[in-house]
Protein backbone atom coordinates (compact mmCIF):
# COMPACT_ATOMS: atom_id res chain seq x y z
CA UNK A 1 0.00 0.00 0.00
CA UNK A 2 1.15 3.55 -0.76
CA UNK A 3 3.07 5.26 2.07
CA UNK A 4 0.75 8.29 2.00
CA UNK A 5 -2.29 6.04 2.51
CA UNK A 6 -0.52 4.23 5.35
CA UNK A 7 0.13 7.61 6.98
CA UNK A 8 -3.59 8.46 6.77
CA UNK A 9 -4.60 5.08 8.20
CA UNK A 10 -2.18 5.55 11.11
CA UNK A 11 -3.62 9.01 11.89
CA UNK A 12 -7.14 7.54 11.86
CA UNK A 13 -6.01 4.76 14.21
CA UNK A 14 -4.55 7.29 16.66
CA UNK A 15 -7.72 9.40 16.61
CA UNK A 16 -9.93 6.36 17.10
CA UNK A 17 -7.99 5.47 20.24
CA UNK A 18 -9.19 8.73 21.86
CA UNK A 19 -12.52 9.20 20.06
CA UNK A 20 -14.52 6.05 19.31
CA UNK A 21 -17.02 7.94 17.15
CA UNK A 22 -14.38 9.77 15.19
CA UNK A 23 -15.55 8.53 11.76
CA UNK A 24 -18.73 10.60 12.15
CA UNK A 25 -17.32 13.37 14.37
CA UNK A 26 -13.92 14.32 12.91
CA UNK A 27 -12.99 15.12 9.32
CA UNK A 28 -9.36 14.92 8.26
CA UNK A 29 -8.39 17.61 5.75
CA UNK A 30 -5.32 16.46 3.83
CA UNK A 31 -3.42 19.73 3.37
CA UNK A 32 -2.17 19.29 -0.18
CA UNK A 33 -0.70 22.78 -0.72
CA UNK A 34 2.62 22.66 -2.64
CA UNK A 35 2.21 18.93 -3.34
CA UNK A 36 1.63 17.74 -6.89
CA UNK A 37 -1.33 15.69 -8.09
CA UNK A 38 1.04 12.73 -8.30
CA UNK A 39 1.18 12.80 -4.48
CA UNK A 40 -2.53 13.48 -4.07
CA UNK A 41 -4.06 10.91 -6.46
CA UNK A 42 -3.37 7.86 -4.27
CA UNK A 43 -5.53 9.45 -1.55
CA UNK A 44 -8.32 10.27 -4.02
CA UNK A 45 -8.24 6.72 -5.37
CA UNK A 46 -8.34 5.41 -1.79
CA UNK A 47 -11.58 7.37 -1.30
CA UNK A 48 -10.42 10.37 0.72
CA UNK A 49 -12.56 13.43 -0.08
CA UNK A 50 -11.32 16.43 1.96
CA UNK A 51 -8.30 18.42 0.80
CA UNK A 52 -6.89 21.81 1.82
CA UNK A 53 -5.10 24.48 -0.19
CA UNK A 54 -3.66 27.87 0.80
CA UNK A 55 -3.53 29.68 -2.53
CA UNK A 56 -6.43 30.26 -4.91
CA UNK A 57 -4.33 30.09 -8.09
CA UNK A 58 -2.69 26.81 -7.09
CA UNK A 59 -6.09 25.33 -6.22
CA UNK A 60 -7.53 26.27 -9.63
CA UNK A 61 -4.57 24.80 -11.51
CA UNK A 62 -4.56 21.54 -9.55
CA UNK A 63 -8.22 20.86 -8.85
CA UNK A 64 -10.41 22.26 -11.64
CA UNK A 65 -10.35 19.11 -13.81
CA UNK A 66 -10.41 16.68 -10.89
CA UNK A 67 -13.47 18.36 -9.36
CA UNK A 68 -15.37 18.15 -12.64
CA UNK A 69 -14.94 14.37 -12.62
CA UNK A 70 -15.11 13.72 -8.88
CA UNK A 71 -18.00 15.72 -7.50
CA UNK A 72 -17.72 14.30 -3.97
CA UNK A 73 -14.39 16.05 -3.32
CA UNK A 74 -14.51 18.90 -0.78
CA UNK A 75 -11.90 21.59 -1.25
CA UNK A 76 -11.03 23.71 1.78
CA UNK A 77 -9.45 27.18 1.57
CA UNK A 78 -7.11 27.37 4.56
CA UNK A 79 -4.90 30.37 3.81
CA UNK A 80 -5.41 34.11 3.95
CA UNK A 81 -8.01 35.04 1.32
CA UNK A 82 -7.52 38.38 -0.44
CA UNK A 83 -10.76 40.12 -1.48
CA UNK A 84 -9.56 40.39 -5.10
CA UNK A 85 -9.35 36.56 -5.28
CA UNK A 86 -12.79 35.88 -3.79
CA UNK A 87 -14.68 35.46 -7.07
CA UNK A 88 -12.25 32.72 -8.12
CA UNK A 89 -12.18 31.14 -4.64
CA UNK A 90 -15.97 30.90 -4.46
CA UNK A 91 -16.03 28.90 -7.70
CA UNK A 92 -13.41 26.28 -6.77
CA UNK A 93 -13.73 25.92 -2.96
CA UNK A 94 -16.50 24.32 -0.89
CA UNK A 95 -15.27 25.52 2.51
CA UNK A 96 -13.40 28.66 3.59
CA UNK A 97 -11.66 28.42 6.97
CA UNK A 98 -10.17 31.92 7.01
CA UNK A 99 -13.03 34.43 7.19
CA UNK A 100 -11.30 37.23 9.10
CA UNK A 101 -12.94 40.57 8.22
CA UNK A 102 -16.31 42.13 7.39
CA UNK A 103 -14.88 43.35 4.09
CA UNK A 104 -14.17 39.72 3.17
CA UNK A 105 -17.59 38.60 4.45
CA UNK A 106 -19.33 41.13 2.22
CA UNK A 107 -17.29 40.11 -0.83
CA UNK A 108 -17.97 36.37 -0.30
CA UNK A 109 -21.68 37.13 0.07
CA UNK A 110 -21.75 39.10 -3.18
CA UNK A 111 -19.78 36.60 -5.24
CA UNK A 112 -21.56 33.46 -4.09
CA UNK A 113 -24.98 35.02 -4.75
CA UNK A 114 -23.89 35.59 -8.36
CA UNK A 115 -23.32 31.88 -8.94
CA UNK A 116 -25.99 30.62 -6.51
CA UNK A 117 -23.50 28.81 -4.28
CA UNK A 118 -23.55 28.59 -0.49
CA UNK A 119 -20.10 27.90 0.90
CA UNK A 120 -19.52 26.53 4.39
CA UNK A 121 -17.50 29.10 6.33
CA UNK A 122 -15.37 29.20 9.46
CA UNK A 123 -14.60 32.47 11.23
CA UNK A 124 -10.87 32.66 11.92
CA UNK A 125 -10.19 33.58 15.55
CA UNK A 126 -6.92 35.16 16.67
CA UNK A 127 -7.15 33.10 19.83
CA UNK A 128 -4.01 34.46 21.54
CA UNK A 129 -4.30 38.03 20.20
CA UNK A 130 -0.99 37.70 18.35
CA UNK A 131 -0.23 40.87 16.34
CA UNK A 132 1.30 38.95 13.42
CA UNK A 133 -1.77 36.75 12.91
CA UNK A 134 -5.07 37.38 11.15
CA UNK A 135 -8.40 36.73 12.78
CA UNK A 136 -11.18 38.14 14.92
CA UNK A 137 -10.62 38.57 18.64
CA UNK A 138 -12.88 36.60 20.97
CA UNK A 139 -14.28 39.93 22.24
CA UNK A 140 -15.33 40.99 18.72
CA UNK A 141 -16.72 37.58 17.80
CA UNK A 142 -20.41 37.88 18.83
CA UNK A 143 -20.97 41.09 16.84
CA UNK A 144 -18.95 39.84 13.89
CA UNK A 145 -20.94 36.60 13.79
CA UNK A 146 -24.29 38.41 13.96
CA UNK A 147 -23.32 40.71 11.08
CA UNK A 148 -22.18 37.75 8.95
CA UNK A 149 -25.42 35.82 9.34
CA UNK A 150 -27.92 38.69 9.47
CA UNK A 151 -26.49 41.25 7.04
CA UNK A 152 -24.58 39.00 4.65
CA UNK A 153 -26.63 35.78 5.02
CA UNK A 154 -23.47 33.68 5.25
CA UNK A 155 -23.47 29.99 6.18
CA UNK A 156 -21.15 30.11 9.20
CA UNK A 157 -20.65 26.53 10.41
CA UNK A 158 -17.85 27.04 12.93
CA UNK A 159 -14.66 28.67 14.17
CA UNK A 160 -11.01 28.18 13.18
CA UNK A 161 -7.77 28.98 15.00
CA UNK A 162 -3.98 28.68 14.82
CA UNK A 163 -2.71 28.53 18.41
CA UNK A 164 0.69 30.04 19.26
CA UNK A 165 3.74 27.90 18.58
CA UNK A 166 5.77 26.39 21.46
CA UNK A 167 2.88 26.69 23.91
CA UNK A 168 0.58 23.92 25.14
CA UNK A 169 -2.31 24.32 22.66
CA UNK A 170 -5.09 22.72 24.72
CA UNK A 171 -5.80 25.90 26.71
CA UNK A 172 -6.51 27.71 23.42
CA UNK A 173 -8.54 24.80 22.05
CA UNK A 174 -10.66 24.91 25.21
CA UNK A 175 -11.33 28.64 24.68
CA UNK A 176 -12.41 27.88 21.12
CA UNK A 177 -14.81 25.16 22.27
CA UNK A 178 -16.42 27.58 24.73
CA UNK A 179 -16.71 30.34 22.09
CA UNK A 180 -18.37 27.96 19.62
CA UNK A 181 -20.85 26.71 22.22
CA UNK A 182 -21.77 30.29 23.12
CA UNK A 183 -22.81 30.85 19.49
CA UNK A 184 -24.41 27.39 19.17
CA UNK A 185 -21.90 26.47 16.45
CA UNK A 186 -21.19 22.77 16.10
CA UNK A 187 -17.90 22.78 14.16
CA UNK A 188 -14.33 23.65 15.03
CA UNK A 189 -11.39 23.72 12.62
CA UNK A 190 -8.35 23.25 14.81
CA UNK A 191 -5.38 20.94 15.03
CA UNK A 192 -2.54 20.34 12.59
CA UNK A 193 0.24 17.74 12.21
CA UNK A 194 1.87 18.71 15.53
CA UNK A 195 -1.21 18.99 17.76
CA UNK A 196 -4.20 17.22 16.18
CA UNK A 197 -4.68 14.70 19.01
CA UNK A 198 -4.90 17.53 21.53
CA UNK A 199 -7.41 19.29 19.24
CA UNK A 200 -9.59 16.18 18.88
CA UNK A 201 -9.62 15.71 22.67
CA UNK A 202 -10.97 19.27 22.99
CA UNK A 203 -13.72 18.73 20.42
CA UNK A 204 -12.27 19.66 17.02
CA UNK A 205 -14.36 18.41 14.10
CA UNK A 206 -11.99 19.38 11.25
CA UNK A 207 -8.25 18.76 11.56
CA UNK A 208 -5.81 20.09 8.96
CA UNK A 209 -2.94 17.67 8.35
CA UNK A 210 -0.19 18.15 5.77
CA UNK A 211 3.29 16.86 6.58
CA UNK A 212 2.06 13.94 8.72
CA UNK A 213 0.27 12.62 5.61
CA UNK A 214 2.39 13.78 2.66
CA UNK A 215 5.83 14.10 4.28
CA UNK A 216 7.95 17.23 4.58
CA UNK A 217 7.60 20.04 2.06
CA UNK A 218 10.55 21.13 -0.08
C-alpha atoms as a PDB file:
ATOM      1  CA  UNK A   1       0.000   0.000   0.000  1.00  0.00           C
ATOM      2  CA  UNK A   2       1.154   3.548  -0.759  1.00  0.00           C
ATOM      3  CA  UNK A   3       3.071   5.260   2.073  1.00  0.00           C
ATOM      4  CA  UNK A   4       0.748   8.288   2.001  1.00  0.00           C
ATOM      5  CA  UNK A   5      -2.288   6.036   2.515  1.00  0.00           C
ATOM      6  CA  UNK A   6      -0.519   4.226   5.350  1.00  0.00           C
ATOM      7  CA  UNK A   7       0.125   7.613   6.984  1.00  0.00           C
ATOM      8  CA  UNK A   8      -3.586   8.464   6.771  1.00  0.00           C
ATOM      9  CA  UNK A   9      -4.596   5.082   8.202  1.00  0.00           C
ATOM     10  CA  UNK A  10      -2.177   5.545  11.113  1.00  0.00           C
ATOM     11  CA  UNK A  11      -3.616   9.011  11.893  1.00  0.00           C
ATOM     12  CA  UNK A  12      -7.135   7.541  11.865  1.00  0.00           C
ATOM     13  CA  UNK A  13      -6.011   4.756  14.211  1.00  0.00           C
ATOM     14  CA  UNK A  14      -4.548   7.295  16.663  1.00  0.00           C
ATOM     15  CA  UNK A  15      -7.718   9.403  16.613  1.00  0.00           C
ATOM     16  CA  UNK A  16      -9.931   6.363  17.096  1.00  0.00           C
ATOM     17  CA  UNK A  17      -7.986   5.467  20.237  1.00  0.00           C
ATOM     18  CA  UNK A  18      -9.187   8.725  21.856  1.00  0.00           C
ATOM     19  CA  UNK A  19     -12.521   9.201  20.062  1.00  0.00           C
ATOM     20  CA  UNK A  20     -14.515   6.047  19.308  1.00  0.00           C
ATOM     21  CA  UNK A  21     -17.017   7.939  17.146  1.00  0.00           C
ATOM     22  CA  UNK A  22     -14.375   9.773  15.194  1.00  0.00           C
ATOM     23  CA  UNK A  23     -15.554   8.528  11.763  1.00  0.00           C
ATOM     24  CA  UNK A  24     -18.725  10.599  12.145  1.00  0.00           C
ATOM     25  CA  UNK A  25     -17.317  13.373  14.367  1.00  0.00           C
ATOM     26  CA  UNK A  26     -13.923  14.322  12.913  1.00  0.00           C
ATOM     27  CA  UNK A  27     -12.992  15.123   9.316  1.00  0.00           C
ATOM     28  CA  UNK A  28      -9.356  14.921   8.256  1.00  0.00           C
ATOM     29  CA  UNK A  29      -8.395  17.609   5.746  1.00  0.00           C
ATOM     30  CA  UNK A  30      -5.317  16.456   3.826  1.00  0.00           C
ATOM     31  CA  UNK A  31      -3.424  19.729   3.370  1.00  0.00           C
ATOM     32  CA  UNK A  32      -2.172  19.291  -0.183  1.00  0.00           C
ATOM     33  CA  UNK A  33      -0.696  22.783  -0.719  1.00  0.00           C
ATOM     34  CA  UNK A  34       2.625  22.665  -2.643  1.00  0.00           C
ATOM     35  CA  UNK A  35       2.213  18.926  -3.338  1.00  0.00           C
ATOM     36  CA  UNK A  36       1.631  17.744  -6.888  1.00  0.00           C
ATOM     37  CA  UNK A  37      -1.331  15.688  -8.088  1.00  0.00           C
ATOM     38  CA  UNK A  38       1.043  12.732  -8.299  1.00  0.00           C
ATOM     39  CA  UNK A  39       1.184  12.801  -4.475  1.00  0.00           C
ATOM     40  CA  UNK A  40      -2.528  13.476  -4.065  1.00  0.00           C
ATOM     41  CA  UNK A  41      -4.061  10.915  -6.465  1.00  0.00           C
ATOM     42  CA  UNK A  42      -3.374   7.857  -4.269  1.00  0.00           C
ATOM     43  CA  UNK A  43      -5.532   9.446  -1.546  1.00  0.00           C
ATOM     44  CA  UNK A  44      -8.316  10.275  -4.021  1.00  0.00           C
ATOM     45  CA  UNK A  45      -8.238   6.717  -5.373  1.00  0.00           C
ATOM     46  CA  UNK A  46      -8.341   5.412  -1.790  1.00  0.00           C
ATOM     47  CA  UNK A  47     -11.576   7.370  -1.300  1.00  0.00           C
ATOM     48  CA  UNK A  48     -10.418  10.369   0.716  1.00  0.00           C
ATOM     49  CA  UNK A  49     -12.560  13.431  -0.079  1.00  0.00           C
ATOM     50  CA  UNK A  50     -11.320  16.427   1.963  1.00  0.00           C
ATOM     51  CA  UNK A  51      -8.295  18.424   0.795  1.00  0.00           C
ATOM     52  CA  UNK A  52      -6.888  21.809   1.818  1.00  0.00           C
ATOM     53  CA  UNK A  53      -5.098  24.484  -0.195  1.00  0.00           C
ATOM     54  CA  UNK A  54      -3.661  27.868   0.804  1.00  0.00           C
ATOM     55  CA  UNK A  55      -3.533  29.675  -2.533  1.00  0.00           C
ATOM     56  CA  UNK A  56      -6.425  30.256  -4.913  1.00  0.00           C
ATOM     57  CA  UNK A  57      -4.332  30.089  -8.092  1.00  0.00           C
ATOM     58  CA  UNK A  58      -2.693  26.808  -7.088  1.00  0.00           C
ATOM     59  CA  UNK A  59      -6.089  25.330  -6.225  1.00  0.00           C
ATOM     60  CA  UNK A  60      -7.535  26.273  -9.626  1.00  0.00           C
ATOM     61  CA  UNK A  61      -4.573  24.805 -11.510  1.00  0.00           C
ATOM     62  CA  UNK A  62      -4.559  21.545  -9.546  1.00  0.00           C
ATOM     63  CA  UNK A  63      -8.215  20.857  -8.848  1.00  0.00           C
ATOM     64  CA  UNK A  64     -10.407  22.262 -11.643  1.00  0.00           C
ATOM     65  CA  UNK A  65     -10.347  19.115 -13.810  1.00  0.00           C
ATOM     66  CA  UNK A  66     -10.410  16.681 -10.894  1.00  0.00           C
ATOM     67  CA  UNK A  67     -13.467  18.360  -9.360  1.00  0.00           C
ATOM     68  CA  UNK A  68     -15.365  18.153 -12.637  1.00  0.00           C
ATOM     69  CA  UNK A  69     -14.935  14.371 -12.617  1.00  0.00           C
ATOM     70  CA  UNK A  70     -15.107  13.718  -8.880  1.00  0.00           C
ATOM     71  CA  UNK A  71     -18.002  15.723  -7.503  1.00  0.00           C
ATOM     72  CA  UNK A  72     -17.722  14.301  -3.970  1.00  0.00           C
ATOM     73  CA  UNK A  73     -14.388  16.055  -3.316  1.00  0.00           C
ATOM     74  CA  UNK A  74     -14.514  18.899  -0.779  1.00  0.00           C
ATOM     75  CA  UNK A  75     -11.896  21.591  -1.250  1.00  0.00           C
ATOM     76  CA  UNK A  76     -11.029  23.707   1.784  1.00  0.00           C
ATOM     77  CA  UNK A  77      -9.451  27.177   1.573  1.00  0.00           C
ATOM     78  CA  UNK A  78      -7.112  27.369   4.562  1.00  0.00           C
ATOM     79  CA  UNK A  79      -4.900  30.366   3.810  1.00  0.00           C
ATOM     80  CA  UNK A  80      -5.414  34.115   3.953  1.00  0.00           C
ATOM     81  CA  UNK A  81      -8.005  35.038   1.317  1.00  0.00           C
ATOM     82  CA  UNK A  82      -7.524  38.378  -0.437  1.00  0.00           C
ATOM     83  CA  UNK A  83     -10.760  40.124  -1.482  1.00  0.00           C
ATOM     84  CA  UNK A  84      -9.561  40.393  -5.100  1.00  0.00           C
ATOM     85  CA  UNK A  85      -9.351  36.565  -5.277  1.00  0.00           C
ATOM     86  CA  UNK A  86     -12.794  35.876  -3.791  1.00  0.00           C
ATOM     87  CA  UNK A  87     -14.682  35.464  -7.075  1.00  0.00           C
ATOM     88  CA  UNK A  88     -12.252  32.723  -8.116  1.00  0.00           C
ATOM     89  CA  UNK A  89     -12.178  31.139  -4.644  1.00  0.00           C
ATOM     90  CA  UNK A  90     -15.968  30.897  -4.459  1.00  0.00           C
ATOM     91  CA  UNK A  91     -16.030  28.897  -7.696  1.00  0.00           C
ATOM     92  CA  UNK A  92     -13.414  26.275  -6.773  1.00  0.00           C
ATOM     93  CA  UNK A  93     -13.732  25.919  -2.965  1.00  0.00           C
ATOM     94  CA  UNK A  94     -16.499  24.320  -0.888  1.00  0.00           C
ATOM     95  CA  UNK A  95     -15.271  25.521   2.512  1.00  0.00           C
ATOM     96  CA  UNK A  96     -13.402  28.661   3.594  1.00  0.00           C
ATOM     97  CA  UNK A  97     -11.656  28.419   6.972  1.00  0.00           C
ATOM     98  CA  UNK A  98     -10.167  31.921   7.015  1.00  0.00           C
ATOM     99  CA  UNK A  99     -13.031  34.429   7.189  1.00  0.00           C
ATOM    100  CA  UNK A 100     -11.300  37.226   9.103  1.00  0.00           C
ATOM    101  CA  UNK A 101     -12.940  40.574   8.224  1.00  0.00           C
ATOM    102  CA  UNK A 102     -16.311  42.131   7.386  1.00  0.00           C
ATOM    103  CA  UNK A 103     -14.878  43.346   4.085  1.00  0.00           C
ATOM    104  CA  UNK A 104     -14.167  39.719   3.168  1.00  0.00           C
ATOM    105  CA  UNK A 105     -17.586  38.598   4.450  1.00  0.00           C
ATOM    106  CA  UNK A 106     -19.330  41.133   2.220  1.00  0.00           C
ATOM    107  CA  UNK A 107     -17.294  40.105  -0.832  1.00  0.00           C
ATOM    108  CA  UNK A 108     -17.973  36.369  -0.299  1.00  0.00           C
ATOM    109  CA  UNK A 109     -21.682  37.130   0.074  1.00  0.00           C
ATOM    110  CA  UNK A 110     -21.755  39.104  -3.183  1.00  0.00           C
ATOM    111  CA  UNK A 111     -19.780  36.598  -5.241  1.00  0.00           C
ATOM    112  CA  UNK A 112     -21.561  33.458  -4.089  1.00  0.00           C
ATOM    113  CA  UNK A 113     -24.977  35.015  -4.752  1.00  0.00           C
ATOM    114  CA  UNK A 114     -23.894  35.590  -8.364  1.00  0.00           C
ATOM    115  CA  UNK A 115     -23.318  31.882  -8.937  1.00  0.00           C
ATOM    116  CA  UNK A 116     -25.989  30.621  -6.505  1.00  0.00           C
ATOM    117  CA  UNK A 117     -23.497  28.808  -4.275  1.00  0.00           C
ATOM    118  CA  UNK A 118     -23.546  28.595  -0.486  1.00  0.00           C
ATOM    119  CA  UNK A 119     -20.101  27.904   0.899  1.00  0.00           C
ATOM    120  CA  UNK A 120     -19.517  26.529   4.388  1.00  0.00           C
ATOM    121  CA  UNK A 121     -17.501  29.103   6.332  1.00  0.00           C
ATOM    122  CA  UNK A 122     -15.373  29.203   9.459  1.00  0.00           C
ATOM    123  CA  UNK A 123     -14.598  32.471  11.233  1.00  0.00           C
ATOM    124  CA  UNK A 124     -10.868  32.664  11.925  1.00  0.00           C
ATOM    125  CA  UNK A 125     -10.186  33.581  15.550  1.00  0.00           C
ATOM    126  CA  UNK A 126      -6.920  35.164  16.675  1.00  0.00           C
ATOM    127  CA  UNK A 127      -7.147  33.100  19.831  1.00  0.00           C
ATOM    128  CA  UNK A 128      -4.014  34.455  21.536  1.00  0.00           C
ATOM    129  CA  UNK A 129      -4.301  38.033  20.196  1.00  0.00           C
ATOM    130  CA  UNK A 130      -0.994  37.699  18.350  1.00  0.00           C
ATOM    131  CA  UNK A 131      -0.230  40.867  16.343  1.00  0.00           C
ATOM    132  CA  UNK A 132       1.301  38.954  13.417  1.00  0.00           C
ATOM    133  CA  UNK A 133      -1.767  36.748  12.907  1.00  0.00           C
ATOM    134  CA  UNK A 134      -5.066  37.376  11.151  1.00  0.00           C
ATOM    135  CA  UNK A 135      -8.397  36.725  12.781  1.00  0.00           C
ATOM    136  CA  UNK A 136     -11.177  38.137  14.919  1.00  0.00           C
ATOM    137  CA  UNK A 137     -10.621  38.570  18.644  1.00  0.00           C
ATOM    138  CA  UNK A 138     -12.885  36.601  20.972  1.00  0.00           C
ATOM    139  CA  UNK A 139     -14.282  39.925  22.241  1.00  0.00           C
ATOM    140  CA  UNK A 140     -15.334  40.989  18.721  1.00  0.00           C
ATOM    141  CA  UNK A 141     -16.722  37.580  17.798  1.00  0.00           C
ATOM    142  CA  UNK A 142     -20.411  37.877  18.833  1.00  0.00           C
ATOM    143  CA  UNK A 143     -20.968  41.095  16.843  1.00  0.00           C
ATOM    144  CA  UNK A 144     -18.951  39.835  13.895  1.00  0.00           C
ATOM    145  CA  UNK A 145     -20.940  36.595  13.786  1.00  0.00           C
ATOM    146  CA  UNK A 146     -24.290  38.412  13.964  1.00  0.00           C
ATOM    147  CA  UNK A 147     -23.325  40.711  11.081  1.00  0.00           C
ATOM    148  CA  UNK A 148     -22.184  37.752   8.947  1.00  0.00           C
ATOM    149  CA  UNK A 149     -25.416  35.815   9.338  1.00  0.00           C
ATOM    150  CA  UNK A 150     -27.923  38.687   9.472  1.00  0.00           C
ATOM    151  CA  UNK A 151     -26.494  41.254   7.037  1.00  0.00           C
ATOM    152  CA  UNK A 152     -24.585  38.999   4.651  1.00  0.00           C
ATOM    153  CA  UNK A 153     -26.628  35.776   5.017  1.00  0.00           C
ATOM    154  CA  UNK A 154     -23.473  33.676   5.253  1.00  0.00           C
ATOM    155  CA  UNK A 155     -23.473  29.994   6.177  1.00  0.00           C
ATOM    156  CA  UNK A 156     -21.154  30.111   9.196  1.00  0.00           C
ATOM    157  CA  UNK A 157     -20.653  26.531  10.410  1.00  0.00           C
ATOM    158  CA  UNK A 158     -17.852  27.044  12.925  1.00  0.00           C
ATOM    159  CA  UNK A 159     -14.660  28.672  14.169  1.00  0.00           C
ATOM    160  CA  UNK A 160     -11.012  28.178  13.182  1.00  0.00           C
ATOM    161  CA  UNK A 161      -7.767  28.983  14.996  1.00  0.00           C
ATOM    162  CA  UNK A 162      -3.984  28.679  14.821  1.00  0.00           C
ATOM    163  CA  UNK A 163      -2.707  28.529  18.407  1.00  0.00           C
ATOM    164  CA  UNK A 164       0.694  30.045  19.256  1.00  0.00           C
ATOM    165  CA  UNK A 165       3.739  27.900  18.580  1.00  0.00           C
ATOM    166  CA  UNK A 166       5.771  26.391  21.457  1.00  0.00           C
ATOM    167  CA  UNK A 167       2.879  26.691  23.911  1.00  0.00           C
ATOM    168  CA  UNK A 168       0.582  23.918  25.142  1.00  0.00           C
ATOM    169  CA  UNK A 169      -2.315  24.316  22.661  1.00  0.00           C
ATOM    170  CA  UNK A 170      -5.091  22.721  24.724  1.00  0.00           C
ATOM    171  CA  UNK A 171      -5.796  25.905  26.710  1.00  0.00           C
ATOM    172  CA  UNK A 172      -6.508  27.710  23.424  1.00  0.00           C
ATOM    173  CA  UNK A 173      -8.542  24.803  22.046  1.00  0.00           C
ATOM    174  CA  UNK A 174     -10.663  24.906  25.211  1.00  0.00           C
ATOM    175  CA  UNK A 175     -11.328  28.643  24.677  1.00  0.00           C
ATOM    176  CA  UNK A 176     -12.414  27.882  21.117  1.00  0.00           C
ATOM    177  CA  UNK A 177     -14.813  25.161  22.267  1.00  0.00           C
ATOM    178  CA  UNK A 178     -16.416  27.584  24.726  1.00  0.00           C
ATOM    179  CA  UNK A 179     -16.706  30.340  22.087  1.00  0.00           C
ATOM    180  CA  UNK A 180     -18.366  27.956  19.615  1.00  0.00           C
ATOM    181  CA  UNK A 181     -20.845  26.707  22.223  1.00  0.00           C
ATOM    182  CA  UNK A 182     -21.774  30.294  23.116  1.00  0.00           C
ATOM    183  CA  UNK A 183     -22.805  30.852  19.486  1.00  0.00           C
ATOM    184  CA  UNK A 184     -24.408  27.389  19.167  1.00  0.00           C
ATOM    185  CA  UNK A 185     -21.905  26.467  16.449  1.00  0.00           C
ATOM    186  CA  UNK A 186     -21.192  22.772  16.098  1.00  0.00           C
ATOM    187  CA  UNK A 187     -17.902  22.780  14.163  1.00  0.00           C
ATOM    188  CA  UNK A 188     -14.332  23.648  15.028  1.00  0.00           C
ATOM    189  CA  UNK A 189     -11.394  23.720  12.618  1.00  0.00           C
ATOM    190  CA  UNK A 190      -8.350  23.250  14.809  1.00  0.00           C
ATOM    191  CA  UNK A 191      -5.378  20.941  15.032  1.00  0.00           C
ATOM    192  CA  UNK A 192      -2.536  20.344  12.589  1.00  0.00           C
ATOM    193  CA  UNK A 193       0.237  17.740  12.213  1.00  0.00           C
ATOM    194  CA  UNK A 194       1.868  18.706  15.525  1.00  0.00           C
ATOM    195  CA  UNK A 195      -1.214  18.991  17.762  1.00  0.00           C
ATOM    196  CA  UNK A 196      -4.203  17.219  16.175  1.00  0.00           C
ATOM    197  CA  UNK A 197      -4.683  14.702  19.007  1.00  0.00           C
ATOM    198  CA  UNK A 198      -4.900  17.531  21.534  1.00  0.00           C
ATOM    199  CA  UNK A 199      -7.415  19.287  19.244  1.00  0.00           C
ATOM    200  CA  UNK A 200      -9.589  16.180  18.879  1.00  0.00           C
ATOM    201  CA  UNK A 201      -9.621  15.713  22.667  1.00  0.00           C
ATOM    202  CA  UNK A 202     -10.970  19.265  22.987  1.00  0.00           C
ATOM    203  CA  UNK A 203     -13.722  18.732  20.419  1.00  0.00           C
ATOM    204  CA  UNK A 204     -12.266  19.662  17.017  1.00  0.00           C
ATOM    205  CA  UNK A 205     -14.355  18.408  14.098  1.00  0.00           C
ATOM    206  CA  UNK A 206     -11.986  19.378  11.250  1.00  0.00           C
ATOM    207  CA  UNK A 207      -8.251  18.757  11.555  1.00  0.00           C
ATOM    208  CA  UNK A 208      -5.808  20.089   8.963  1.00  0.00           C
ATOM    209  CA  UNK A 209      -2.942  17.669   8.351  1.00  0.00           C
ATOM    210  CA  UNK A 210      -0.192  18.146   5.772  1.00  0.00           C
ATOM    211  CA  UNK A 211       3.286  16.858   6.579  1.00  0.00           C
ATOM    212  CA  UNK A 212       2.061  13.943   8.720  1.00  0.00           C
ATOM    213  CA  UNK A 213       0.268  12.624   5.613  1.00  0.00           C
ATOM    214  CA  UNK A 214       2.391  13.781   2.663  1.00  0.00           C
ATOM    215  CA  UNK A 215       5.827  14.103   4.282  1.00  0.00           C
ATOM    216  CA  UNK A 216       7.945  17.230   4.580  1.00  0.00           C
ATOM    217  CA  UNK A 217       7.601  20.037   2.057  1.00  0.00           C
ATOM    218  CA  UNK A 218      10.546  21.128  -0.078  1.00  0.00           C
END
